[in-house]
Amino acid sequence: MKAANVVVLGESGVGKTAIIQRLVTNVFDTQYHSTLGVRVWRKDYTPCEITFYFHDVQGVHMPDALLKTYTGAADAYILVCDAPRRRTASSTEFYWAERIEPKKPVILVENKVDMVKNLVVHAKALFRLEQKMRAKGINVCYSTVTSAKTGFHLSKILQKAGEACLRTLSSQ
C-alpha cells in the first residue's frame, strides 16, 4: 500500500477529530476533546490501496513556521468548517486556505449538518466558498456537507481523499 499524509485543518470545535475518529474507527465520541499540537491517525483504505496518515492539527492558531512543518508534508488537505457557526467558513477561506500549498488537493467539508434546519442553504454556501477558493488558485477537488455524528457523507471523503492522494503520489 502507498502511504499518504492528509492534513486536517479548521477552527477549534469544528469537528476535525470527530471526523477523523469516525473515518478511522467508525466511532463518534460525544465528549469534546481539544487537540493540542498534532495527533496522527492511521487508516488503511483498501479500495485505493492506500494507507492514510491523518494529521489532526489543533484549531487554535499556531506559529506559521510550526504549522508549515505539518502542511508542507501533506499529499492532500481536508479543510473543515462548522455549519452552525458560519464564521468558521470565513476563517477557512481567509486563514487556513492561506497556509496550505494551493496546488495540492483540498477536500472542503462543512461538518455538523445534523444540527441545522435547511441543508440546501448550507450546501449552497459551501459551493460558494468552494468557488471563491478556486478563484484564488486553490485546488479544491471535492466539497461536501457532512456529519461526524451520523456518518453522513464520510465514506465519500475517504474515496475522494484516496483518489486525490493517488494522483499526487503518482506525479511525484
N, C-alpha and C. Protein backbone atom coordinates (compact mmCIF):
# COMPACT_ATOMS: atom_id res chain seq x y z
N MET A 1 0.83 -1.19 0.00
CA MET A 1 0.00 0.00 0.00
C MET A 1 0.88 1.24 0.00
N LYS A 2 0.41 2.27 -0.70
CA LYS A 2 1.09 3.55 -0.69
C LYS A 2 0.66 4.32 0.55
N ALA A 3 1.56 5.16 1.05
CA ALA A 3 1.26 5.98 2.22
C ALA A 3 0.95 7.41 1.79
N ALA A 4 -0.04 8.01 2.42
CA ALA A 4 -0.43 9.38 2.10
C ALA A 4 -0.69 10.17 3.36
N ASN A 5 -0.11 11.36 3.41
CA ASN A 5 -0.33 12.29 4.52
C ASN A 5 -1.45 13.25 4.17
N VAL A 6 -2.48 13.24 5.00
CA VAL A 6 -3.62 14.15 4.81
C VAL A 6 -3.69 15.04 6.04
N VAL A 7 -3.52 16.33 5.84
CA VAL A 7 -3.53 17.28 6.94
C VAL A 7 -4.94 17.87 7.05
N VAL A 8 -5.50 17.78 8.25
CA VAL A 8 -6.87 18.22 8.51
C VAL A 8 -6.80 19.52 9.32
N LEU A 9 -7.37 20.59 8.73
CA LEU A 9 -7.28 21.93 9.31
C LEU A 9 -8.66 22.56 9.48
N GLY A 10 -8.78 23.43 10.46
CA GLY A 10 -10.01 24.17 10.70
C GLY A 10 -9.99 24.73 12.11
N GLU A 11 -10.94 25.60 12.38
CA GLU A 11 -11.03 26.23 13.69
C GLU A 11 -11.28 25.19 14.78
N SER A 12 -10.99 25.56 15.99
CA SER A 12 -11.26 24.73 17.15
C SER A 12 -12.76 24.45 17.26
N GLY A 13 -13.11 23.20 17.49
CA GLY A 13 -14.50 22.83 17.72
C GLY A 13 -15.33 22.54 16.48
N VAL A 14 -14.71 22.54 15.27
CA VAL A 14 -15.49 22.28 14.06
C VAL A 14 -15.74 20.79 13.83
N GLY A 15 -15.01 19.95 14.55
CA GLY A 15 -15.23 18.51 14.44
C GLY A 15 -14.17 17.77 13.65
N LYS A 16 -12.97 18.32 13.58
CA LYS A 16 -11.88 17.65 12.85
C LYS A 16 -11.58 16.27 13.45
N THR A 17 -11.39 16.24 14.75
CA THR A 17 -11.09 14.99 15.43
C THR A 17 -12.26 14.01 15.29
N ALA A 18 -13.48 14.51 15.43
CA ALA A 18 -14.66 13.64 15.32
C ALA A 18 -14.77 13.03 13.93
N ILE A 19 -14.48 13.81 12.89
CA ILE A 19 -14.50 13.29 11.53
C ILE A 19 -13.45 12.20 11.36
N ILE A 20 -12.22 12.51 11.80
CA ILE A 20 -11.14 11.52 11.64
C ILE A 20 -11.44 10.27 12.45
N GLN A 21 -11.87 10.43 13.69
CA GLN A 21 -12.18 9.27 14.52
C GLN A 21 -13.26 8.41 13.88
N ARG A 22 -14.27 9.05 13.30
CA ARG A 22 -15.35 8.30 12.63
C ARG A 22 -14.80 7.58 11.39
N LEU A 23 -13.91 8.26 10.63
CA LEU A 23 -13.32 7.64 9.44
C LEU A 23 -12.45 6.43 9.80
N VAL A 24 -11.70 6.57 10.88
CA VAL A 24 -10.71 5.55 11.25
C VAL A 24 -11.33 4.42 12.06
N THR A 25 -12.21 4.74 13.03
CA THR A 25 -12.71 3.72 13.95
C THR A 25 -14.22 3.49 13.85
N ASN A 26 -14.90 4.34 13.09
CA ASN A 26 -16.36 4.32 12.97
C ASN A 26 -17.06 4.53 14.32
N VAL A 27 -16.42 5.36 15.16
CA VAL A 27 -16.97 5.70 16.47
C VAL A 27 -17.14 7.21 16.54
N PHE A 28 -18.26 7.65 17.13
CA PHE A 28 -18.45 9.07 17.41
C PHE A 28 -18.45 9.25 18.91
N ASP A 29 -17.54 10.06 19.41
CA ASP A 29 -17.42 10.34 20.83
C ASP A 29 -18.18 11.62 21.14
N THR A 30 -19.13 11.55 22.05
CA THR A 30 -19.93 12.73 22.38
C THR A 30 -19.18 13.73 23.26
N GLN A 31 -18.07 13.31 23.83
CA GLN A 31 -17.25 14.21 24.65
C GLN A 31 -16.34 15.03 23.74
N TYR A 32 -16.20 16.32 24.03
CA TYR A 32 -15.31 17.19 23.27
C TYR A 32 -13.91 17.10 23.86
N HIS A 33 -12.94 16.81 22.98
CA HIS A 33 -11.53 16.76 23.39
C HIS A 33 -10.76 17.70 22.47
N SER A 34 -10.18 18.74 23.04
CA SER A 34 -9.40 19.68 22.25
C SER A 34 -8.05 19.07 21.90
N THR A 35 -7.68 19.15 20.63
CA THR A 35 -6.38 18.64 20.18
C THR A 35 -5.30 19.67 20.50
N LEU A 36 -4.23 19.23 21.10
CA LEU A 36 -3.08 20.08 21.36
C LEU A 36 -1.96 19.65 20.43
N GLY A 37 -1.47 20.57 19.62
CA GLY A 37 -0.44 20.23 18.66
C GLY A 37 -1.04 19.46 17.50
N VAL A 38 -0.51 18.27 17.27
CA VAL A 38 -0.99 17.44 16.16
C VAL A 38 -1.09 16.00 16.64
N ARG A 39 -2.16 15.35 16.26
CA ARG A 39 -2.33 13.93 16.53
C ARG A 39 -2.44 13.23 15.18
N VAL A 40 -1.71 12.13 15.01
CA VAL A 40 -1.73 11.40 13.74
C VAL A 40 -2.55 10.12 13.91
N TRP A 41 -3.47 9.92 12.98
CA TRP A 41 -4.33 8.74 12.95
C TRP A 41 -4.01 7.96 11.68
N ARG A 42 -4.01 6.64 11.77
CA ARG A 42 -3.72 5.79 10.61
C ARG A 42 -4.98 5.05 10.17
N LYS A 43 -5.16 4.97 8.85
CA LYS A 43 -6.30 4.25 8.29
C LYS A 43 -5.86 3.58 6.99
N ASP A 44 -5.95 2.24 6.94
CA ASP A 44 -5.73 1.51 5.70
C ASP A 44 -7.02 1.54 4.90
N TYR A 45 -6.93 2.00 3.67
CA TYR A 45 -8.10 2.12 2.81
C TYR A 45 -7.86 1.25 1.58
N THR A 46 -8.40 0.03 1.64
CA THR A 46 -8.10 -0.96 0.60
C THR A 46 -8.68 -0.66 -0.78
N PRO A 47 -9.82 0.02 -0.91
CA PRO A 47 -10.30 0.29 -2.28
C PRO A 47 -9.29 1.05 -3.15
N CYS A 48 -8.47 1.90 -2.52
CA CYS A 48 -7.44 2.64 -3.26
C CYS A 48 -6.03 2.11 -2.99
N GLU A 49 -5.93 1.05 -2.17
CA GLU A 49 -4.62 0.50 -1.80
C GLU A 49 -3.72 1.61 -1.24
N ILE A 50 -4.26 2.28 -0.23
CA ILE A 50 -3.53 3.41 0.34
C ILE A 50 -3.64 3.38 1.87
N THR A 51 -2.58 3.77 2.54
CA THR A 51 -2.61 3.97 3.99
C THR A 51 -2.60 5.46 4.24
N PHE A 52 -3.67 5.94 4.85
CA PHE A 52 -3.77 7.35 5.20
C PHE A 52 -3.11 7.60 6.54
N TYR A 53 -2.40 8.69 6.63
CA TYR A 53 -1.95 9.24 7.90
C TYR A 53 -2.62 10.60 8.02
N PHE A 54 -3.70 10.65 8.81
CA PHE A 54 -4.45 11.87 9.00
C PHE A 54 -3.78 12.68 10.11
N HIS A 55 -3.33 13.87 9.80
CA HIS A 55 -2.69 14.76 10.76
C HIS A 55 -3.76 15.72 11.27
N ASP A 56 -4.21 15.49 12.47
CA ASP A 56 -5.27 16.25 13.13
C ASP A 56 -4.60 17.43 13.83
N VAL A 57 -4.66 18.61 13.20
CA VAL A 57 -3.94 19.79 13.69
C VAL A 57 -4.86 20.61 14.59
N GLN A 58 -4.30 21.06 15.71
CA GLN A 58 -5.09 21.86 16.64
C GLN A 58 -5.74 23.04 15.94
N GLY A 59 -6.93 23.40 16.39
CA GLY A 59 -7.66 24.50 15.78
C GLY A 59 -7.21 25.87 16.24
N VAL A 60 -6.54 25.94 17.39
CA VAL A 60 -6.01 27.21 17.87
C VAL A 60 -4.79 27.52 17.00
N HIS A 61 -4.74 28.73 16.49
CA HIS A 61 -3.67 29.10 15.57
C HIS A 61 -2.31 28.93 16.23
N MET A 62 -1.41 28.28 15.49
CA MET A 62 -0.05 28.10 15.96
C MET A 62 0.87 28.95 15.08
N PRO A 63 2.09 29.18 15.50
CA PRO A 63 3.00 29.96 14.66
C PRO A 63 3.12 29.35 13.26
N ASP A 64 3.16 30.22 12.24
CA ASP A 64 3.20 29.74 10.86
C ASP A 64 4.36 28.80 10.59
N ALA A 65 5.52 29.06 11.17
CA ALA A 65 6.68 28.20 10.94
C ALA A 65 6.41 26.78 11.44
N LEU A 66 5.76 26.66 12.58
CA LEU A 66 5.43 25.35 13.12
C LEU A 66 4.34 24.68 12.28
N LEU A 67 3.32 25.43 11.93
CA LEU A 67 2.25 24.88 11.10
C LEU A 67 2.78 24.37 9.77
N LYS A 68 3.73 25.09 9.21
CA LYS A 68 4.30 24.71 7.90
C LYS A 68 5.00 23.36 7.96
N THR A 69 5.53 22.98 9.12
CA THR A 69 6.17 21.66 9.21
C THR A 69 5.17 20.54 8.96
N TYR A 70 3.90 20.79 9.26
CA TYR A 70 2.86 19.79 9.02
C TYR A 70 2.25 19.95 7.63
N THR A 71 1.92 21.17 7.26
CA THR A 71 1.23 21.37 5.99
C THR A 71 2.14 21.11 4.79
N GLY A 72 3.43 21.36 4.95
CA GLY A 72 4.36 21.16 3.84
C GLY A 72 4.52 19.71 3.43
N ALA A 73 4.30 18.79 4.36
CA ALA A 73 4.46 17.36 4.06
C ALA A 73 3.17 16.71 3.58
N ALA A 74 2.13 17.50 3.38
CA ALA A 74 0.82 16.94 3.01
C ALA A 74 0.78 16.48 1.57
N ASP A 75 0.07 15.38 1.35
CA ASP A 75 -0.27 14.96 -0.01
C ASP A 75 -1.63 15.52 -0.39
N ALA A 76 -2.43 15.85 0.62
CA ALA A 76 -3.75 16.45 0.42
C ALA A 76 -4.17 17.10 1.74
N TYR A 77 -5.19 17.93 1.66
CA TYR A 77 -5.72 18.62 2.83
C TYR A 77 -7.21 18.38 2.92
N ILE A 78 -7.70 18.35 4.15
CA ILE A 78 -9.13 18.44 4.41
C ILE A 78 -9.32 19.70 5.24
N LEU A 79 -10.07 20.67 4.69
CA LEU A 79 -10.38 21.90 5.41
C LEU A 79 -11.80 21.80 5.92
N VAL A 80 -11.97 21.96 7.22
CA VAL A 80 -13.26 21.73 7.86
C VAL A 80 -13.81 23.03 8.43
N CYS A 81 -15.07 23.29 8.14
CA CYS A 81 -15.80 24.37 8.80
C CYS A 81 -17.05 23.77 9.43
N ASP A 82 -17.78 24.59 10.15
CA ASP A 82 -18.84 24.13 11.04
C ASP A 82 -20.15 24.77 10.58
N ALA A 83 -21.14 23.98 10.21
CA ALA A 83 -22.40 24.51 9.70
C ALA A 83 -23.10 25.47 10.67
N PRO A 84 -23.24 25.13 11.95
CA PRO A 84 -23.93 26.06 12.85
C PRO A 84 -23.16 27.36 13.11
N ARG A 85 -21.84 27.35 12.93
CA ARG A 85 -21.03 28.56 13.16
C ARG A 85 -20.48 29.04 11.82
N ARG A 86 -21.23 29.87 11.13
CA ARG A 86 -20.88 30.32 9.78
C ARG A 86 -19.54 31.04 9.73
N ARG A 87 -19.12 31.67 10.81
CA ARG A 87 -17.84 32.39 10.78
C ARG A 87 -16.67 31.46 10.53
N THR A 88 -16.83 30.17 10.82
CA THR A 88 -15.73 29.24 10.58
C THR A 88 -15.47 29.06 9.09
N ALA A 89 -16.46 29.30 8.26
CA ALA A 89 -16.24 29.26 6.81
C ALA A 89 -15.34 30.41 6.39
N SER A 90 -15.52 31.58 7.00
CA SER A 90 -14.64 32.72 6.69
C SER A 90 -13.21 32.43 7.10
N SER A 91 -13.03 31.83 8.26
CA SER A 91 -11.66 31.53 8.69
C SER A 91 -11.04 30.45 7.81
N THR A 92 -11.88 29.55 7.27
CA THR A 92 -11.36 28.55 6.33
C THR A 92 -10.82 29.25 5.09
N GLU A 93 -11.58 30.21 4.60
CA GLU A 93 -11.17 30.93 3.39
C GLU A 93 -9.99 31.87 3.64
N PHE A 94 -10.04 32.63 4.72
CA PHE A 94 -9.06 33.70 4.91
C PHE A 94 -7.89 33.36 5.82
N TYR A 95 -7.96 32.29 6.59
CA TYR A 95 -6.82 31.91 7.43
C TYR A 95 -6.23 30.58 6.98
N TRP A 96 -7.00 29.52 7.07
CA TRP A 96 -6.46 28.19 6.79
C TRP A 96 -6.04 28.01 5.33
N ALA A 97 -6.85 28.50 4.41
CA ALA A 97 -6.52 28.33 2.99
C ALA A 97 -5.26 29.10 2.60
N GLU A 98 -4.89 30.10 3.38
CA GLU A 98 -3.67 30.86 3.10
C GLU A 98 -2.42 30.12 3.60
N ARG A 99 -2.59 29.04 4.32
CA ARG A 99 -1.46 28.35 4.93
C ARG A 99 -1.22 26.96 4.37
N ILE A 100 -1.76 26.71 3.21
CA ILE A 100 -1.54 25.42 2.55
C ILE A 100 -0.88 25.65 1.21
N GLU A 101 -0.39 24.57 0.62
CA GLU A 101 0.15 24.65 -0.74
C GLU A 101 -1.03 24.53 -1.70
N PRO A 102 -1.34 25.59 -2.43
CA PRO A 102 -2.59 25.65 -3.19
C PRO A 102 -2.72 24.62 -4.32
N LYS A 103 -1.63 24.09 -4.81
CA LYS A 103 -1.71 23.13 -5.91
C LYS A 103 -2.04 21.72 -5.44
N LYS A 104 -1.84 21.46 -4.15
CA LYS A 104 -2.17 20.13 -3.62
C LYS A 104 -3.69 20.02 -3.45
N PRO A 105 -4.24 18.81 -3.57
CA PRO A 105 -5.70 18.66 -3.50
C PRO A 105 -6.27 19.02 -2.13
N VAL A 106 -7.43 19.67 -2.20
CA VAL A 106 -8.14 20.09 -1.00
C VAL A 106 -9.55 19.50 -1.04
N ILE A 107 -9.94 18.92 0.07
CA ILE A 107 -11.32 18.50 0.27
C ILE A 107 -11.92 19.47 1.28
N LEU A 108 -12.98 20.10 0.88
CA LEU A 108 -13.63 21.12 1.69
C LEU A 108 -14.87 20.49 2.34
N VAL A 109 -14.94 20.55 3.67
CA VAL A 109 -16.01 19.87 4.40
C VAL A 109 -16.72 20.84 5.34
N GLU A 110 -18.04 20.85 5.25
CA GLU A 110 -18.84 21.59 6.24
C GLU A 110 -19.50 20.55 7.13
N ASN A 111 -19.05 20.49 8.36
CA ASN A 111 -19.47 19.47 9.30
C ASN A 111 -20.66 19.95 10.15
N LYS A 112 -21.26 19.02 10.85
CA LYS A 112 -22.35 19.26 11.81
C LYS A 112 -23.66 19.66 11.14
N VAL A 113 -23.89 19.15 9.93
CA VAL A 113 -25.15 19.50 9.25
C VAL A 113 -26.35 18.84 9.92
N ASP A 114 -26.10 17.89 10.81
CA ASP A 114 -27.20 17.30 11.59
C ASP A 114 -27.79 18.33 12.55
N MET A 115 -27.11 19.45 12.76
CA MET A 115 -27.56 20.46 13.72
C MET A 115 -28.25 21.65 13.05
N VAL A 116 -28.43 21.61 11.73
CA VAL A 116 -29.06 22.74 11.04
C VAL A 116 -30.39 22.32 10.43
N LYS A 117 -31.24 23.30 10.18
CA LYS A 117 -32.57 23.01 9.66
C LYS A 117 -32.62 22.88 8.15
N ASN A 118 -31.90 23.75 7.43
CA ASN A 118 -32.00 23.76 5.98
C ASN A 118 -30.67 23.36 5.35
N LEU A 119 -30.57 22.09 5.01
CA LEU A 119 -29.33 21.56 4.43
C LEU A 119 -29.01 22.22 3.09
N VAL A 120 -30.02 22.55 2.31
CA VAL A 120 -29.80 23.15 0.99
C VAL A 120 -29.08 24.49 1.11
N VAL A 121 -29.47 25.29 2.08
CA VAL A 121 -28.82 26.59 2.29
C VAL A 121 -27.33 26.40 2.57
N HIS A 122 -27.01 25.42 3.40
CA HIS A 122 -25.61 25.18 3.76
C HIS A 122 -24.82 24.59 2.59
N ALA A 123 -25.44 23.73 1.81
CA ALA A 123 -24.76 23.17 0.63
C ALA A 123 -24.46 24.28 -0.37
N LYS A 124 -25.38 25.20 -0.55
CA LYS A 124 -25.14 26.33 -1.47
C LYS A 124 -24.03 27.24 -0.95
N ALA A 125 -24.02 27.49 0.34
CA ALA A 125 -22.96 28.33 0.93
C ALA A 125 -21.60 27.66 0.76
N LEU A 126 -21.55 26.35 0.94
CA LEU A 126 -20.30 25.63 0.76
C LEU A 126 -19.85 25.69 -0.70
N PHE A 127 -20.79 25.59 -1.63
CA PHE A 127 -20.46 25.70 -3.05
C PHE A 127 -19.87 27.08 -3.35
N ARG A 128 -20.45 28.14 -2.77
CA ARG A 128 -19.90 29.49 -2.98
C ARG A 128 -18.49 29.60 -2.41
N LEU A 129 -18.26 29.01 -1.23
CA LEU A 129 -16.92 29.01 -0.64
C LEU A 129 -15.94 28.26 -1.55
N GLU A 130 -16.35 27.14 -2.06
CA GLU A 130 -15.51 26.37 -2.99
C GLU A 130 -15.14 27.22 -4.20
N GLN A 131 -16.10 27.93 -4.78
CA GLN A 131 -15.83 28.77 -5.95
C GLN A 131 -14.85 29.90 -5.61
N LYS A 132 -15.00 30.51 -4.44
CA LYS A 132 -14.07 31.57 -4.02
C LYS A 132 -12.65 31.02 -3.88
N MET A 133 -12.53 29.85 -3.29
CA MET A 133 -11.21 29.27 -3.09
C MET A 133 -10.58 28.87 -4.42
N ARG A 134 -11.37 28.33 -5.33
CA ARG A 134 -10.85 28.01 -6.67
C ARG A 134 -10.39 29.27 -7.40
N ALA A 135 -11.12 30.36 -7.23
CA ALA A 135 -10.74 31.63 -7.86
C ALA A 135 -9.39 32.12 -7.34
N LYS A 136 -9.04 31.72 -6.12
CA LYS A 136 -7.74 32.08 -5.54
C LYS A 136 -6.64 31.09 -5.95
N GLY A 137 -6.98 30.11 -6.77
CA GLY A 137 -5.99 29.14 -7.24
C GLY A 137 -5.84 27.92 -6.37
N ILE A 138 -6.75 27.72 -5.43
CA ILE A 138 -6.68 26.55 -4.54
C ILE A 138 -7.34 25.37 -5.23
N ASN A 139 -6.68 24.24 -5.20
CA ASN A 139 -7.11 23.04 -5.91
C ASN A 139 -8.16 22.26 -5.11
N VAL A 140 -9.38 22.80 -5.05
CA VAL A 140 -10.47 22.10 -4.36
C VAL A 140 -10.94 20.99 -5.29
N CYS A 141 -10.70 19.75 -4.89
CA CYS A 141 -11.08 18.62 -5.73
C CYS A 141 -12.44 18.04 -5.35
N TYR A 142 -12.93 18.40 -4.16
CA TYR A 142 -14.23 17.88 -3.71
C TYR A 142 -14.69 18.71 -2.52
N SER A 143 -15.99 18.92 -2.45
CA SER A 143 -16.56 19.57 -1.26
C SER A 143 -17.86 18.87 -0.91
N THR A 144 -18.14 18.84 0.38
CA THR A 144 -19.37 18.17 0.83
C THR A 144 -19.79 18.68 2.20
N VAL A 145 -21.08 18.57 2.44
CA VAL A 145 -21.60 18.76 3.80
C VAL A 145 -21.59 17.38 4.44
N THR A 146 -21.37 17.36 5.74
CA THR A 146 -21.25 16.07 6.41
C THR A 146 -21.64 16.17 7.88
N SER A 147 -21.72 15.02 8.50
CA SER A 147 -21.95 14.95 9.94
C SER A 147 -21.10 13.82 10.51
N ALA A 148 -20.14 14.18 11.34
CA ALA A 148 -19.36 13.14 12.01
C ALA A 148 -20.25 12.33 12.95
N LYS A 149 -21.25 12.97 13.50
CA LYS A 149 -22.15 12.30 14.45
C LYS A 149 -22.93 11.17 13.78
N THR A 150 -23.52 11.47 12.62
CA THR A 150 -24.35 10.46 11.94
C THR A 150 -23.58 9.64 10.91
N GLY A 151 -22.40 10.14 10.51
CA GLY A 151 -21.63 9.48 9.47
C GLY A 151 -22.00 9.92 8.06
N PHE A 152 -22.90 10.88 7.95
CA PHE A 152 -23.39 11.37 6.66
C PHE A 152 -22.25 11.85 5.77
N HIS A 153 -22.10 11.24 4.60
CA HIS A 153 -21.12 11.56 3.55
C HIS A 153 -19.67 11.29 3.90
N LEU A 154 -19.37 10.64 5.00
CA LEU A 154 -17.98 10.42 5.37
C LEU A 154 -17.26 9.43 4.45
N SER A 155 -17.95 8.39 3.99
CA SER A 155 -17.28 7.42 3.12
C SER A 155 -16.83 8.08 1.82
N LYS A 156 -17.56 9.08 1.37
CA LYS A 156 -17.20 9.80 0.15
C LYS A 156 -15.90 10.58 0.36
N ILE A 157 -15.69 11.08 1.57
CA ILE A 157 -14.45 11.80 1.88
C ILE A 157 -13.26 10.87 1.73
N LEU A 158 -13.38 9.64 2.26
CA LEU A 158 -12.28 8.67 2.11
C LEU A 158 -12.01 8.38 0.65
N GLN A 159 -13.06 8.15 -0.11
CA GLN A 159 -12.90 7.83 -1.53
C GLN A 159 -12.20 8.98 -2.26
N LYS A 160 -12.68 10.19 -2.07
CA LYS A 160 -12.11 11.35 -2.77
C LYS A 160 -10.69 11.64 -2.30
N ALA A 161 -10.42 11.46 -1.00
CA ALA A 161 -9.06 11.65 -0.50
C ALA A 161 -8.12 10.61 -1.10
N GLY A 162 -8.59 9.38 -1.21
CA GLY A 162 -7.78 8.32 -1.82
C GLY A 162 -7.45 8.63 -3.26
N GLU A 163 -8.44 9.02 -4.03
CA GLU A 163 -8.23 9.36 -5.44
C GLU A 163 -7.25 10.53 -5.57
N ALA A 164 -7.46 11.56 -4.75
CA ALA A 164 -6.60 12.75 -4.83
C ALA A 164 -5.16 12.42 -4.44
N CYS A 165 -4.99 11.64 -3.38
CA CYS A 165 -3.64 11.28 -2.93
C CYS A 165 -2.93 10.40 -3.96
N LEU A 166 -3.64 9.49 -4.59
CA LEU A 166 -3.01 8.66 -5.62
C LEU A 166 -2.53 9.51 -6.78
N ARG A 167 -3.31 10.53 -7.17
CA ARG A 167 -2.87 11.43 -8.23
C ARG A 167 -1.62 12.19 -7.80
N THR A 168 -1.61 12.69 -6.56
CA THR A 168 -0.46 13.43 -6.05
C THR A 168 0.77 12.54 -5.98
N LEU A 169 0.61 11.34 -5.45
CA LEU A 169 1.75 10.44 -5.28
C LEU A 169 2.31 9.97 -6.63
N SER A 170 1.43 9.77 -7.61
CA SER A 170 1.92 9.29 -8.92
C SER A 170 2.62 10.40 -9.70
N SER A 171 2.36 11.67 -9.34
CA SER A 171 3.01 12.77 -10.06
C SER A 171 4.34 13.17 -9.43
N GLN A 172 4.69 12.56 -8.30
CA GLN A 172 5.95 12.93 -7.61
C GLN A 172 7.12 12.15 -8.18
